[in-house]
C-alpha atoms as a PDB file:
ATOM      1  CA  MET A   1    -135.467 -62.092  14.004  1.00  0.00           C
ATOM      2  CA  GLY A   2    -136.483 -63.253  17.479  1.00  0.00           C
ATOM      3  CA  ASN A   3    -136.314 -66.912  16.463  1.00  0.00           C
ATOM      4  CA  ASP A   4    -132.865 -66.447  14.952  1.00  0.00           C
ATOM      5  CA  MET A   5    -131.554 -64.718  18.116  1.00  0.00           C
ATOM      6  CA  THR A   6    -133.117 -67.463  20.269  1.00  0.00           C
ATOM      7  CA  ALA A   7    -131.272 -70.080  18.227  1.00  0.00           C
ATOM      8  CA  VAL A   8    -127.998 -68.195  18.669  1.00  0.00           C
ATOM      9  CA  VAL A   9    -128.513 -67.895  22.384  1.00  0.00           C
ATOM     10  CA  LEU A  10    -129.358 -71.531  22.825  1.00  0.00           C
ATOM     11  CA  SER A  11    -126.392 -72.579  20.682  1.00  0.00           C
ATOM     12  CA  LEU A  12    -124.041 -70.380  22.774  1.00  0.00           C
ATOM     13  CA  MET A  13    -125.520 -71.837  25.989  1.00  0.00           C
ATOM     14  CA  ALA A  14    -124.908 -75.380  24.705  1.00  0.00           C
ATOM     15  CA  ILE A  15    -121.389 -74.657  23.528  1.00  0.00           C
ATOM     16  CA  GLY A  16    -120.513 -72.856  26.798  1.00  0.00           C
ATOM     17  CA  THR A  17    -121.878 -75.751  28.856  1.00  0.00           C
ATOM     18  CA  VAL A  18    -119.939 -78.359  26.868  1.00  0.00           C
ATOM     19  CA  VAL A  19    -116.697 -76.328  27.159  1.00  0.00           C
ATOM     20  CA  ALA A  20    -117.148 -75.820  30.855  1.00  0.00           C
ATOM     21  CA  LEU A  21    -117.914 -79.539  31.353  1.00  0.00           C
ATOM     22  CA  VAL A  22    -114.845 -80.538  29.411  1.00  0.00           C
ATOM     23  CA  GLY A  23    -112.717 -78.219  31.604  1.00  0.00           C
ATOM     24  CA  GLY A  24    -114.271 -79.650  34.707  1.00  0.00           C
ATOM     25  CA  ILE A  25    -113.503 -83.238  33.586  1.00  0.00           C
ATOM     26  CA  MET A  26    -109.947 -82.236  32.761  1.00  0.00           C
ATOM     27  CA  PHE A  27    -109.615 -80.762  36.244  1.00  0.00           C
ATOM     28  CA  LEU A  28    -110.812 -83.949  37.843  1.00  0.00           C
ATOM     29  CA  VAL A  29    -108.406 -85.981  35.776  1.00  0.00           C
ATOM     30  CA  VAL A  30    -105.509 -83.819  36.934  1.00  0.00           C
ATOM     31  CA  ALA A  31    -106.756 -84.143  40.573  1.00  0.00           C
ATOM     32  CA  PHE A  32    -107.015 -87.947  40.365  1.00  0.00           C
ATOM     33  CA  ARG A  33    -103.596 -88.127  38.733  1.00  0.00           C
ATOM     34  CA  THR A  34    -102.167 -86.173  41.638  1.00  0.00           C
ATOM     35  CA  GLY A  35    -103.790 -88.515  44.148  1.00  0.00           C
ATOM     36  CA  VAL A  36    -107.002 -90.477  44.694  1.00  0.00           C
ATOM     37  CA  GLY A  37    -107.705 -88.347  47.808  1.00  0.00           C
ATOM     38  CA  TRP A  38    -107.445 -85.145  45.821  1.00  0.00           C
ATOM     39  CA  GLY A  39    -109.661 -86.559  43.067  1.00  0.00           C
ATOM     40  CA  LEU A  40    -112.337 -87.703  45.533  1.00  0.00           C
ATOM     41  CA  GLY A  41    -112.149 -84.465  47.424  1.00  0.00           C
ATOM     42  CA  CYS A  42    -112.580 -82.378  44.293  1.00  0.00           C
ATOM     43  CA  LEU A  43    -115.474 -84.557  43.156  1.00  0.00           C
ATOM     44  CA  PHE A  44    -117.466 -84.695  46.372  1.00  0.00           C
ATOM     45  CA  LEU A  45    -116.370 -81.574  48.347  1.00  0.00           C
ATOM     46  CA  SER A  46    -115.989 -79.404  45.247  1.00  0.00           C
ATOM     47  CA  PHE A  47    -115.743 -75.828  46.524  1.00  0.00           C
ATOM     48  CA  PRO A  48    -113.153 -75.906  49.318  1.00  0.00           C
ATOM     49  CA  VAL A  49    -111.021 -78.778  48.078  1.00  0.00           C
ATOM     50  CA  SER A  50    -111.028 -77.731  44.377  1.00  0.00           C
ATOM     51  CA  LEU A  51    -109.937 -74.246  45.358  1.00  0.00           C
ATOM     52  CA  ILE A  52    -107.158 -75.517  47.500  1.00  0.00           C
ATOM     53  CA  PHE A  53    -106.065 -77.939  44.778  1.00  0.00           C
ATOM     54  CA  LEU A  54    -106.164 -75.224  42.163  1.00  0.00           C
ATOM     55  CA  VAL A  55    -103.897 -72.932  44.233  1.00  0.00           C
ATOM     56  CA  LYS A  56    -101.574 -75.706  45.368  1.00  0.00           C
ATOM     57  CA  TYR A  57    -101.244 -77.306  41.957  1.00  0.00           C
ATOM     58  CA  TRP A  58    -101.594 -74.247  39.752  1.00  0.00           C
ATOM     59  CA  GLN A  59     -99.182 -75.317  37.051  1.00  0.00           C
ATOM     60  CA  GLU A  60    -100.931 -78.703  36.569  1.00  0.00           C
ATOM     61  CA  SER A  61    -104.537 -77.355  36.766  1.00  0.00           C
ATOM     62  CA  LYS A  62    -104.432 -73.886  35.137  1.00  0.00           C
ATOM     63  CA  LYS A  63    -105.303 -75.141  31.630  1.00  0.00           C
ATOM     64  CA  SER A  64    -108.455 -76.868  32.783  1.00  0.00           C
ATOM     65  CA  PHE A  65    -109.365 -73.851  34.935  1.00  0.00           C
ATOM     66  CA  PHE A  66    -109.082 -71.461  31.960  1.00  0.00           C
ATOM     67  CA  ILE A  67    -111.165 -73.795  29.790  1.00  0.00           C
ATOM     68  CA  GLN A  68    -113.894 -73.810  32.476  1.00  0.00           C
ATOM     69  CA  LEU A  69    -113.570 -70.061  32.668  1.00  0.00           C
ATOM     70  CA  ALA A  70    -113.968 -69.686  28.902  1.00  0.00           C
ATOM     71  CA  GLY A  71    -117.082 -71.920  28.936  1.00  0.00           C
ATOM     72  CA  THR A  72    -118.605 -69.874  31.788  1.00  0.00           C
ATOM     73  CA  ALA A  73    -117.878 -66.650  29.851  1.00  0.00           C
ATOM     74  CA  VAL A  74    -119.730 -68.034  26.849  1.00  0.00           C
ATOM     75  CA  ILE A  75    -122.693 -68.912  29.012  1.00  0.00           C
ATOM     76  CA  VAL A  76    -122.729 -65.385  30.537  1.00  0.00           C
ATOM     77  CA  VAL A  77    -122.584 -63.808  27.054  1.00  0.00           C
ATOM     78  CA  ALA A  78    -125.517 -66.014  26.013  1.00  0.00           C
ATOM     79  CA  MET A  79    -127.443 -64.929  29.148  1.00  0.00           C
ATOM     80  CA  VAL A  80    -126.862 -61.275  28.367  1.00  0.00           C
ATOM     81  CA  LEU A  81    -127.939 -61.723  24.777  1.00  0.00           C
ATOM     82  CA  GLY A  82    -130.997 -63.753  25.884  1.00  0.00           C
ATOM     83  CA  SER A  83    -132.059 -60.957  28.237  1.00  0.00           C
ATOM     84  CA  GLN A  84    -132.132 -58.647  25.191  1.00  0.00           C
ATOM     85  CA  ILE A  85    -134.738 -60.749  23.387  1.00  0.00           C
ATOM     86  CA  ALA A  86    -138.211 -59.220  23.866  1.00  0.00           C
ATOM     87  CA  PRO A  87    -140.721 -61.616  25.489  1.00  0.00           C
ATOM     88  CA  GLY A  88    -143.038 -63.155  22.905  1.00  0.00           C
ATOM     89  CA  HIS A  89    -140.682 -62.711  20.037  1.00  0.00           C
END
């Protein structure tokens, strides 16, 4: 049973990571479409610029934000499930 659970956890981690990355790429595409400065700022100065961009351009960026959030939620679920697996099993 431990190996089956490990496979599920690893699969969820991989799926969550891919979904979060897709959302992140979508966010960058929206930022670059808005302006090269926004795109570069979101790419290189992620935290402050991305947060400002998200608030200022909510309608354009909310879909990518929620996709990233969904991917992160799947990763958190996988981590919680992974913590339930007994070591050595």
